[in-house]
Each structure stands twice: as C-alpha cells, then as structure tokens.
Amino acid sequence: MNSSLSLLLPVHNSQATLQFNVQRVVEILPDLTHRFEVLIVDDGSTDATCEVAYELARDYPQIRVNRFARSLGWATTVAAKAPETRGEFLMIHSGGELKVDDVVGLWRLRKGIAEAARLSQSKRGGKLWRFDPQAETSIVQAGAPEAVRSVGQLGIHARAPGSNLLMVHRQQVGELKKSLAALPDIGWPALQPSAKSRVGHPIKRPSFLSRAKQFALGE
C-alpha cells in the first residue's frame, strides 16, 4: 500500500501567492501517492488569504482549511496543527515559493525518514539521525526563521539549500510539537515571499479531479 502524505501549509497574508503555490503542487501529488491531504492554516491574515483558501478547497476535495482569528506565528501554528494531520509523512511549508521539485525530491527520501524515526524512538537521548542529501548545506534558505532551522535534528530535512519545505514521519510529530512550543514567537516577517505577485491567475479546475476524488486521505 502506498504511504500517505499530509502537506501542511501555514499562511499569513498570502493572497497573492497561495493559489499559485497550491495549484501546481496539488496537480502532482496523485502521481506520488493515492492517499494525500493538504491542510491550509490561515494564521490570522488581514487580507483575502482565507477566501482564496476556501475557494481552493471547493475545487480540490483533498484540501482542508483551518483559520486562527489572530496571528500566532509560524512555530505556534505548526505546533497546533501538525497533530491534526493524518498522513504517515508530514511535509511542512515554511513560507515563500512552494517548489514542485522539492516536494518530489523529498518524497523520494521517505524510507530514510521512516528509518530515522524508528531509530530515534529506540535511541532516546542517543545519536540523532539525518538523511539530508546535502548535509553540509543549510536546512533552509537564510530568510527562514530560527524555528525552522532548530527542528533539523528531528530527522526533518530539505531537498536543497533553497528549499523551504520540511518533512517528518508521523512518529516524530509529538517531538516536533514540543520543540516548536518551546521556542519564542517568531512571527511571520522573515517568511514573506518576494514582491513577485501572482494575483490574477484564475483558479483552474484540475484535469485529474474526477479520478482524484477517490484518493483523498482517509477514504
């Protein structure tokens, strides 16, 4: 049976980029696994981010949307919502452009992450295991918050130096939550994307929608 995947997208004032990011990645997810979900969490946005998210959820059955009335910050948002995801593997976006190549590359490393999770459970307080393809590089780009860098030792890794995408096995979600909850509120400024606006791209109904409905996680 294919492994299941949850993609967690915490967003804040991202109306200009959310539609573009979600559309292109959700088109390729059925090629990776038949069981996936996308959880968009609007962290107290003051623009139309929430409206864009709900419109995407109407077009894609695998998308769920949650919203906080006030902004809690990236770390608190992830700590609160990661346990609500259901996939065996959890990918977490930390802002900026969501790259399809990073999603695909990271998914190919799932066996290594699963083994890291198993070993970390059996070696409490022992050796930490990393499966980064480029271990000498930073886990994420320089603009990402300290919270993102601090969770690398849990077996979360990025495919490339420029990636803002992390992945963890279900067994490590509890440790992830504890690590993030212990960090100070870092807010969102460092996570904002470049000024390259994508407003105006119409929401296209996916060509795979009829076959993808049966692939929603949990069905």
Protein backbone atom coordinates (compact mmCIF):
# COMPACT_ATOMS: atom_id res chain seq x y z
CA MET A 1 0.00 0.00 0.00
CA ASN A 2 1.23 3.49 -0.81
CA SER A 3 2.39 5.63 2.09
CA SER A 4 0.06 8.50 2.90
CA LEU A 5 1.12 12.16 2.87
CA SER A 6 -0.11 15.30 4.59
CA LEU A 7 1.06 18.69 3.34
CA LEU A 8 0.73 21.43 5.98
CA LEU A 9 0.66 24.98 4.60
CA PRO A 10 0.69 27.66 7.31
CA VAL A 11 0.00 31.02 5.63
CA HIS A 12 -0.31 34.65 6.65
CA ASN A 13 -1.34 37.46 4.28
CA SER A 14 -0.55 35.24 1.28
CA GLN A 15 -3.43 36.03 -1.06
CA ALA A 16 -1.01 36.88 -3.88
CA THR A 17 0.83 33.53 -3.82
CA LEU A 18 -1.38 30.89 -2.18
CA GLN A 19 -3.40 29.99 -5.26
CA PHE A 20 -0.32 29.58 -7.44
CA ASN A 21 1.55 27.53 -4.84
CA VAL A 22 -1.32 25.15 -4.13
CA GLN A 23 -2.48 24.60 -7.71
CA ARG A 24 0.82 23.47 -9.12
CA VAL A 25 1.71 21.15 -6.24
CA VAL A 26 -1.74 19.54 -5.90
CA GLU A 27 -1.60 18.58 -9.58
CA ILE A 28 1.42 16.33 -8.99
CA LEU A 29 0.50 14.79 -5.63
CA PRO A 30 -1.65 11.98 -7.15
CA ASP A 31 1.46 10.85 -9.02
CA LEU A 32 3.32 10.45 -5.70
CA THR A 33 0.66 8.73 -3.60
CA HIS A 34 -3.02 7.84 -3.86
CA ARG A 35 -3.59 8.95 -0.27
CA PHE A 36 -2.84 12.58 0.46
CA GLU A 37 -4.30 15.69 2.02
CA VAL A 38 -3.43 19.39 2.08
CA LEU A 39 -4.15 21.38 5.24
CA ILE A 40 -4.05 25.15 4.74
CA VAL A 41 -3.92 27.07 8.02
CA ASP A 42 -4.59 30.80 7.78
CA ASP A 43 -2.79 32.40 10.71
CA GLY A 44 -4.90 35.49 11.28
CA SER A 45 -4.48 37.04 7.84
CA THR A 46 -5.86 40.53 7.30
CA ASP A 47 -6.14 40.20 3.52
CA ALA A 48 -8.14 37.76 1.37
CA THR A 49 -5.96 34.72 2.11
CA CYS A 50 -8.80 32.85 3.79
CA GLU A 51 -11.17 33.43 0.88
CA VAL A 52 -8.56 32.11 -1.58
CA ALA A 53 -8.03 29.04 0.63
CA TYR A 54 -11.73 28.19 0.82
CA GLU A 55 -12.10 28.62 -2.94
CA LEU A 56 -9.27 26.14 -3.45
CA ALA A 57 -10.93 23.73 -1.03
CA ARG A 58 -14.14 23.88 -3.07
CA ASP A 59 -12.23 22.79 -6.18
CA TYR A 60 -9.97 20.16 -4.60
CA PRO A 61 -11.52 17.55 -2.29
CA GLN A 62 -8.17 16.80 -0.63
CA ILE A 63 -7.81 20.35 0.75
CA ARG A 64 -8.94 21.31 4.23
CA VAL A 65 -8.81 24.84 5.65
CA ASN A 66 -8.37 25.98 9.24
CA ARG A 67 -8.12 29.56 10.45
CA PHE A 68 -6.92 31.39 13.54
CA ALA A 69 -8.71 34.66 14.26
CA ARG A 70 -5.45 36.31 15.31
CA SER A 71 -1.90 35.63 14.23
CA LEU A 72 0.02 33.20 16.45
CA GLY A 73 3.24 32.97 14.43
CA TRP A 74 4.67 30.19 12.27
CA ALA A 75 6.02 27.99 15.07
CA THR A 76 2.84 28.10 17.16
CA THR A 77 0.66 27.48 14.11
CA VAL A 78 2.64 24.40 13.11
CA ALA A 79 2.77 23.07 16.69
CA ALA A 80 -1.00 23.43 16.98
CA LYS A 81 -1.99 21.92 13.65
CA ALA A 82 0.63 19.27 12.86
CA PRO A 83 -1.09 16.74 15.21
CA GLU A 84 -4.35 17.23 13.29
CA THR A 85 -2.87 15.91 10.06
CA ARG A 86 -3.38 12.24 9.24
CA GLY A 87 -0.65 11.14 6.85
CA GLU A 88 2.18 8.75 7.65
CA PHE A 89 4.51 11.50 6.44
CA LEU A 90 4.06 15.21 7.07
CA MET A 91 5.54 17.91 4.84
CA ILE A 92 5.57 21.42 6.30
CA HIS A 93 5.94 24.59 4.25
CA SER A 94 7.76 27.48 5.88
CA GLY A 95 6.83 30.31 3.52
CA GLY A 96 7.79 31.68 0.13
CA GLU A 97 7.57 29.72 -3.09
CA LEU A 98 6.41 26.11 -2.86
CA LYS A 99 8.53 24.20 -5.36
CA VAL A 100 7.23 21.06 -7.03
CA ASP A 101 10.75 19.66 -7.43
CA ASP A 102 11.30 19.93 -3.67
CA VAL A 103 8.07 18.06 -2.97
CA VAL A 104 9.02 15.26 -5.37
CA GLY A 105 12.61 15.05 -4.17
CA LEU A 106 11.63 14.99 -0.53
CA TRP A 107 9.03 12.26 -1.10
CA ARG A 108 11.70 10.00 -2.59
CA LEU A 109 13.51 10.07 0.76
CA ARG A 110 10.56 8.81 2.80
CA LYS A 111 12.12 5.42 3.55
CA GLY A 112 15.13 7.13 5.10
CA ILE A 113 12.91 9.37 7.20
CA ALA A 114 10.85 6.40 8.38
CA GLU A 115 14.03 4.60 9.44
CA ALA A 116 15.27 7.77 11.20
CA ALA A 117 12.01 7.93 13.13
CA ARG A 118 12.29 4.29 14.15
CA LEU A 119 15.88 4.71 15.31
CA SER A 120 15.17 7.94 17.19
CA GLN A 121 12.36 6.20 19.08
CA SER A 122 14.67 3.37 20.13
CA LYS A 123 17.68 5.58 20.96
CA ARG A 124 16.12 8.20 23.20
CA GLY A 125 18.81 10.68 24.06
CA GLY A 126 21.23 8.86 21.77
CA LYS A 127 22.51 9.58 18.28
CA LEU A 128 20.44 11.86 16.09
CA TRP A 129 19.84 10.74 12.51
CA ARG A 130 19.72 12.98 9.45
CA PHE A 131 19.05 11.99 5.85
CA ASP A 132 19.74 15.28 4.07
CA PRO A 133 21.03 14.71 0.52
CA GLN A 134 23.37 17.69 1.06
CA ALA A 135 24.20 17.56 4.74
CA GLU A 136 26.78 20.32 4.51
CA THR A 137 24.20 22.87 3.40
CA SER A 138 21.73 24.85 5.43
CA ILE A 139 18.43 23.10 6.05
CA VAL A 140 16.53 26.02 4.56
CA GLN A 141 17.30 29.32 2.95
CA ALA A 142 18.67 32.15 5.07
CA GLY A 143 15.36 34.00 5.26
CA ALA A 144 13.61 31.21 7.14
CA PRO A 145 13.02 31.57 10.87
CA GLU A 146 15.14 30.08 13.63
CA ALA A 147 12.31 27.70 14.42
CA VAL A 148 12.70 26.01 11.02
CA ARG A 149 16.45 25.53 11.49
CA SER A 150 16.04 24.19 15.00
CA VAL A 151 13.95 21.16 14.02
CA GLY A 152 16.50 19.63 11.66
CA GLN A 153 17.76 17.24 14.31
CA LEU A 154 14.38 15.51 14.40
CA GLY A 155 15.06 13.92 11.02
CA ILE A 156 13.33 16.69 9.11
CA HIS A 157 15.25 17.76 6.08
CA ALA A 158 15.10 19.79 2.92
CA ARG A 159 15.97 18.53 -0.54
CA ALA A 160 18.11 21.53 -1.47
CA PRO A 161 19.64 24.65 0.15
CA GLY A 162 16.94 26.87 -1.35
CA SER A 163 14.04 24.76 -0.13
CA ASN A 164 11.52 25.96 2.45
CA LEU A 165 9.93 22.54 2.77
CA LEU A 166 10.48 20.13 5.66
CA MET A 167 9.32 16.56 6.22
CA VAL A 168 8.81 14.41 9.32
CA HIS A 169 7.42 10.94 9.98
CA ARG A 170 4.19 10.60 11.95
CA GLN A 171 6.10 9.12 14.92
CA GLN A 172 8.02 12.39 15.31
CA VAL A 173 5.10 14.81 15.29
CA GLY A 174 4.95 14.81 19.08
CA GLU A 175 8.63 15.74 19.34
CA LEU A 176 8.15 18.38 16.68
CA LYS A 177 5.30 19.94 18.63
CA LYS A 178 7.31 20.03 21.86
CA SER A 179 10.34 21.58 20.12
CA LEU A 180 8.30 24.30 18.46
CA ALA A 181 6.23 25.05 21.57
CA ALA A 182 9.44 25.75 23.49
CA LEU A 183 10.55 28.43 21.04
CA PRO A 184 9.65 32.13 21.34
CA ASP A 185 7.03 33.56 19.00
CA ILE A 186 8.93 34.45 15.83
CA GLY A 187 6.02 35.94 13.91
CA TRP A 188 5.92 35.98 10.12
CA PRO A 189 8.04 38.82 8.63
CA ALA A 190 11.02 36.63 7.65
CA LEU A 191 8.71 34.21 5.86
CA GLN A 192 7.08 36.59 3.45
CA PRO A 193 7.62 35.84 -0.27
CA SER A 194 9.28 38.20 -2.69
CA ALA A 195 7.27 41.00 -4.24
CA LYS A 196 6.58 38.90 -7.36
CA SER A 197 2.80 38.97 -7.30
CA ARG A 198 0.69 36.23 -8.82
CA VAL A 199 -2.65 37.99 -8.45
CA GLY A 200 -4.85 37.48 -11.47
CA HIS A 201 -4.23 33.81 -12.15
CA PRO A 202 -7.71 32.30 -12.48
CA ILE A 203 -8.41 29.19 -10.47
CA LYS A 204 -8.35 26.36 -12.96
CA ARG A 205 -10.43 23.28 -12.34
CA PRO A 206 -7.95 20.36 -12.20
CA SER A 207 -7.96 17.93 -15.08
CA PHE A 208 -7.45 15.00 -12.69
CA LEU A 209 -10.30 15.94 -10.35
CA SER A 210 -12.67 13.17 -11.40
CA ARG A 211 -10.12 10.42 -10.66
CA ALA A 212 -8.54 12.16 -7.68
CA LYS A 213 -11.72 12.28 -5.60
CA GLN A 214 -11.23 8.65 -4.64
CA PHE A 215 -7.66 9.34 -3.49
CA ALA A 216 -8.45 11.74 -0.63
CA LEU A 217 -6.68 10.66 2.54
CA GLY A 218 -8.85 8.59 4.82
CA GLU A 219 -11.17 7.22 2.12
